[in-house]
Amino acid sequence: MPRSLKKGPYINERLMKKIRNLKVGDKTVIKTWDRACMITPQMVGYTIGVHDGRQHVPVSIVENMVGHRLGEFAPTSKFVTHGGKMAKEEAKAAADKAAAERQKAQEAATTTKK
């Protein structure tokens, strides 16, 4: 359910104060636990460390993110592939194929050096 229009977007004032104190082009990561905070145009160009429940995920704010929430760019869970015998076999085949390609590329690189 969206926030009431008469209230306006939720913006953390402490976070905005930290951003105002930084100089333009400063690469400092600003840590925050406030995932519900709306991204404003003043945040563009800064890097904000958004907490995902375990660590702070660095999020570089760009113009297309304005109007979204900070939490949208720091996923809270990692997808673990669906299990099963078939999935394990497919994963093993893909890993073997990648290893063979790496070895082939490595052999090609050594022959061109000689």
C-alpha atoms as a PDB file:
ATOM      1  CA  MET A   1       0.000   0.000   0.000  1.00  0.00           C
ATOM      2  CA  PRO A   2       1.566   3.328  -1.016  1.00  0.00           C
ATOM      3  CA  ARG A   3       2.167   6.199   1.338  1.00  0.00           C
ATOM      4  CA  SER A   4      -0.420   8.975   1.459  1.00  0.00           C
ATOM      5  CA  LEU A   5       0.200  11.787  -1.043  1.00  0.00           C
ATOM      6  CA  LYS A   6      -0.392  14.464   1.575  1.00  0.00           C
ATOM      7  CA  LYS A   7       2.457  13.015   3.683  1.00  0.00           C
ATOM      8  CA  GLY A   8       4.895  12.838   0.780  1.00  0.00           C
ATOM      9  CA  PRO A   9       7.694  10.306   0.299  1.00  0.00           C
ATOM     10  CA  TYR A  10       9.541   8.868   3.303  1.00  0.00           C
ATOM     11  CA  ILE A  11      13.071  10.238   3.387  1.00  0.00           C
ATOM     12  CA  ASN A  12      15.404   9.702   6.326  1.00  0.00           C
ATOM     13  CA  GLU A  13      16.593  13.145   7.451  1.00  0.00           C
ATOM     14  CA  ARG A  14      19.753  11.780   9.107  1.00  0.00           C
ATOM     15  CA  LEU A  15      20.748  10.118   5.828  1.00  0.00           C
ATOM     16  CA  MET A  16      20.114  13.338   3.886  1.00  0.00           C
ATOM     17  CA  LYS A  17      22.214  15.268   6.416  1.00  0.00           C
ATOM     18  CA  LYS A  18      25.118  12.844   5.898  1.00  0.00           C
ATOM     19  CA  ILE A  19      24.821  13.275   2.130  1.00  0.00           C
ATOM     20  CA  ARG A  20      24.755  17.080   2.407  1.00  0.00           C
ATOM     21  CA  ASN A  21      27.973  17.000   4.467  1.00  0.00           C
ATOM     22  CA  LEU A  22      29.868  15.080   1.767  1.00  0.00           C
ATOM     23  CA  LYS A  23      31.660  16.867  -1.026  1.00  0.00           C
ATOM     24  CA  VAL A  24      30.827  16.205  -4.679  1.00  0.00           C
ATOM     25  CA  GLY A  25      32.841  13.274  -6.041  1.00  0.00           C
ATOM     26  CA  ASP A  26      33.567  11.834  -2.580  1.00  0.00           C
ATOM     27  CA  LYS A  27      33.698   8.011  -2.775  1.00  0.00           C
ATOM     28  CA  THR A  28      32.810   7.444   0.893  1.00  0.00           C
ATOM     29  CA  VAL A  29      30.188   4.725   1.463  1.00  0.00           C
ATOM     30  CA  ILE A  30      27.367   5.955   3.693  1.00  0.00           C
ATOM     31  CA  LYS A  31      26.028   3.074   5.799  1.00  0.00           C
ATOM     32  CA  THR A  32      22.298   2.864   6.471  1.00  0.00           C
ATOM     33  CA  TRP A  33      19.834   0.347   7.841  1.00  0.00           C
ATOM     34  CA  ASP A  34      16.865   2.277   6.435  1.00  0.00           C
ATOM     35  CA  ARG A  35      15.737   0.164   3.470  1.00  0.00           C
ATOM     36  CA  ALA A  36      12.382   1.967   3.225  1.00  0.00           C
ATOM     37  CA  CYS A  37      13.939   5.360   2.461  1.00  0.00           C
ATOM     38  CA  MET A  38      13.007   6.790  -0.943  1.00  0.00           C
ATOM     39  CA  ILE A  39      15.854   7.718  -3.323  1.00  0.00           C
ATOM     40  CA  THR A  40      15.869  11.433  -4.122  1.00  0.00           C
ATOM     41  CA  PRO A  41      17.700  13.416  -6.848  1.00  0.00           C
ATOM     42  CA  GLN A  42      20.130  14.758  -4.198  1.00  0.00           C
ATOM     43  CA  MET A  43      21.447  11.193  -3.667  1.00  0.00           C
ATOM     44  CA  VAL A  44      22.517  10.703  -7.296  1.00  0.00           C
ATOM     45  CA  GLY A  45      26.254  10.101  -7.633  1.00  0.00           C
ATOM     46  CA  TYR A  46      26.840   8.856  -4.079  1.00  0.00           C
ATOM     47  CA  THR A  47      27.382   5.308  -2.830  1.00  0.00           C
ATOM     48  CA  ILE A  48      25.150   4.115  -0.009  1.00  0.00           C
ATOM     49  CA  GLY A  49      25.756   0.907   1.957  1.00  0.00           C
ATOM     50  CA  VAL A  50      22.292  -0.629   2.408  1.00  0.00           C
ATOM     51  CA  HIS A  51      22.021  -3.306   5.097  1.00  0.00           C
ATOM     52  CA  ASP A  52      20.635  -6.635   3.872  1.00  0.00           C
ATOM     53  CA  GLY A  53      20.379  -8.279   7.283  1.00  0.00           C
ATOM     54  CA  ARG A  54      23.952  -9.542   7.275  1.00  0.00           C
ATOM     55  CA  GLN A  55      26.175  -6.903   5.697  1.00  0.00           C
ATOM     56  CA  HIS A  56      26.078  -3.499   3.996  1.00  0.00           C
ATOM     57  CA  VAL A  57      25.688  -3.832   0.227  1.00  0.00           C
ATOM     58  CA  PRO A  58      27.242  -0.853  -1.607  1.00  0.00           C
ATOM     59  CA  VAL A  59      24.679   0.708  -3.958  1.00  0.00           C
ATOM     60  CA  SER A  60      25.840   3.393  -6.387  1.00  0.00           C
ATOM     61  CA  ILE A  61      22.899   5.717  -6.956  1.00  0.00           C
ATOM     62  CA  VAL A  62      22.183   6.653 -10.571  1.00  0.00           C
ATOM     63  CA  GLU A  63      19.469   8.803 -12.094  1.00  0.00           C
ATOM     64  CA  ASN A  64      17.180   5.888 -13.027  1.00  0.00           C
ATOM     65  CA  MET A  65      16.862   4.881  -9.353  1.00  0.00           C
ATOM     66  CA  VAL A  66      15.119   8.103  -8.272  1.00  0.00           C
ATOM     67  CA  GLY A  67      11.695   7.326  -6.831  1.00  0.00           C
ATOM     68  CA  HIS A  68      12.565   3.759  -5.810  1.00  0.00           C
ATOM     69  CA  ARG A  69      13.389   2.481  -2.321  1.00  0.00           C
ATOM     70  CA  LEU A  70      16.927   1.730  -1.137  1.00  0.00           C
ATOM     71  CA  GLY A  71      15.947  -1.815  -0.161  1.00  0.00           C
ATOM     72  CA  GLU A  72      15.078  -2.712  -3.748  1.00  0.00           C
ATOM     73  CA  PHE A  73      18.769  -2.723  -4.667  1.00  0.00           C
ATOM     74  CA  ALA A  74      20.045  -4.884  -1.781  1.00  0.00           C
ATOM     75  CA  PRO A  75      18.445  -8.355  -1.898  1.00  0.00           C
ATOM     76  CA  THR A  76      17.968  -9.970   1.504  1.00  0.00           C
ATOM     77  CA  SER A  77      18.207 -13.587   0.403  1.00  0.00           C
ATOM     78  CA  LYS A  78      20.416 -15.535  -1.962  1.00  0.00           C
ATOM     79  CA  PHE A  79      18.740 -17.856  -4.441  1.00  0.00           C
ATOM     80  CA  VAL A  80      19.862 -21.441  -4.010  1.00  0.00           C
ATOM     81  CA  THR A  81      19.226 -23.527  -7.104  1.00  0.00           C
ATOM     82  CA  HIS A  82      16.460 -26.087  -7.018  1.00  0.00           C
ATOM     83  CA  GLY A  83      17.871 -29.444  -6.073  1.00  0.00           C
ATOM     84  CA  GLY A  84      17.561 -32.873  -7.536  1.00  0.00           C
ATOM     85  CA  LYS A  85      19.711 -35.390  -9.306  1.00  0.00           C
ATOM     86  CA  MET A  86      19.127 -33.879 -12.749  1.00  0.00           C
ATOM     87  CA  ALA A  87      20.109 -30.356 -11.624  1.00  0.00           C
ATOM     88  CA  LYS A  88      23.367 -31.667 -10.116  1.00  0.00           C
ATOM     89  CA  GLU A  89      24.226 -33.492 -13.327  1.00  0.00           C
ATOM     90  CA  GLU A  90      23.546 -30.382 -15.436  1.00  0.00           C
ATOM     91  CA  ALA A  91      25.679 -28.236 -13.124  1.00  0.00           C
ATOM     92  CA  LYS A  92      28.544 -30.745 -13.309  1.00  0.00           C
ATOM     93  CA  ALA A  93      28.336 -30.874 -17.112  1.00  0.00           C
ATOM     94  CA  ALA A  94      28.425 -27.069 -17.332  1.00  0.00           C
ATOM     95  CA  ALA A  95      31.442 -26.914 -15.001  1.00  0.00           C
ATOM     96  CA  ASP A  96      33.273 -29.569 -17.048  1.00  0.00           C
ATOM     97  CA  LYS A  97      32.558 -27.673 -20.264  1.00  0.00           C
ATOM     98  CA  ALA A  98      33.844 -24.405 -18.776  1.00  0.00           C
ATOM     99  CA  ALA A  99      37.017 -26.123 -17.525  1.00  0.00           C
ATOM    100  CA  ALA A 100      37.635 -27.624 -20.971  1.00  0.00           C
ATOM    101  CA  GLU A 101      37.233 -24.198 -22.621  1.00  0.00           C
ATOM    102  CA  ARG A 102      39.651 -22.609 -20.134  1.00  0.00           C
ATOM    103  CA  GLN A 103      42.217 -25.309 -20.757  1.00  0.00           C
ATOM    104  CA  LYS A 104      41.808 -24.924 -24.522  1.00  0.00           C
ATOM    105  CA  ALA A 105      42.305 -21.155 -24.263  1.00  0.00           C
ATOM    106  CA  GLN A 106      45.332 -21.636 -22.029  1.00  0.00           C
ATOM    107  CA  GLU A 107      46.908 -24.056 -24.517  1.00  0.00           C
ATOM    108  CA  ALA A 108      46.267 -21.620 -27.362  1.00  0.00           C
ATOM    109  CA  ALA A 109      47.946 -18.838 -25.381  1.00  0.00           C
ATOM    110  CA  THR A 110      51.049 -20.922 -24.683  1.00  0.00           C
ATOM    111  CA  THR A 111      51.427 -21.962 -28.340  1.00  0.00           C
ATOM    112  CA  THR A 112      51.279 -18.361 -29.566  1.00  0.00           C
ATOM    113  CA  LYS A 113      54.037 -17.336 -27.117  1.00  0.00           C
ATOM    114  CA  LYS A 114      56.497 -19.881 -28.536  1.00  0.00           C
END
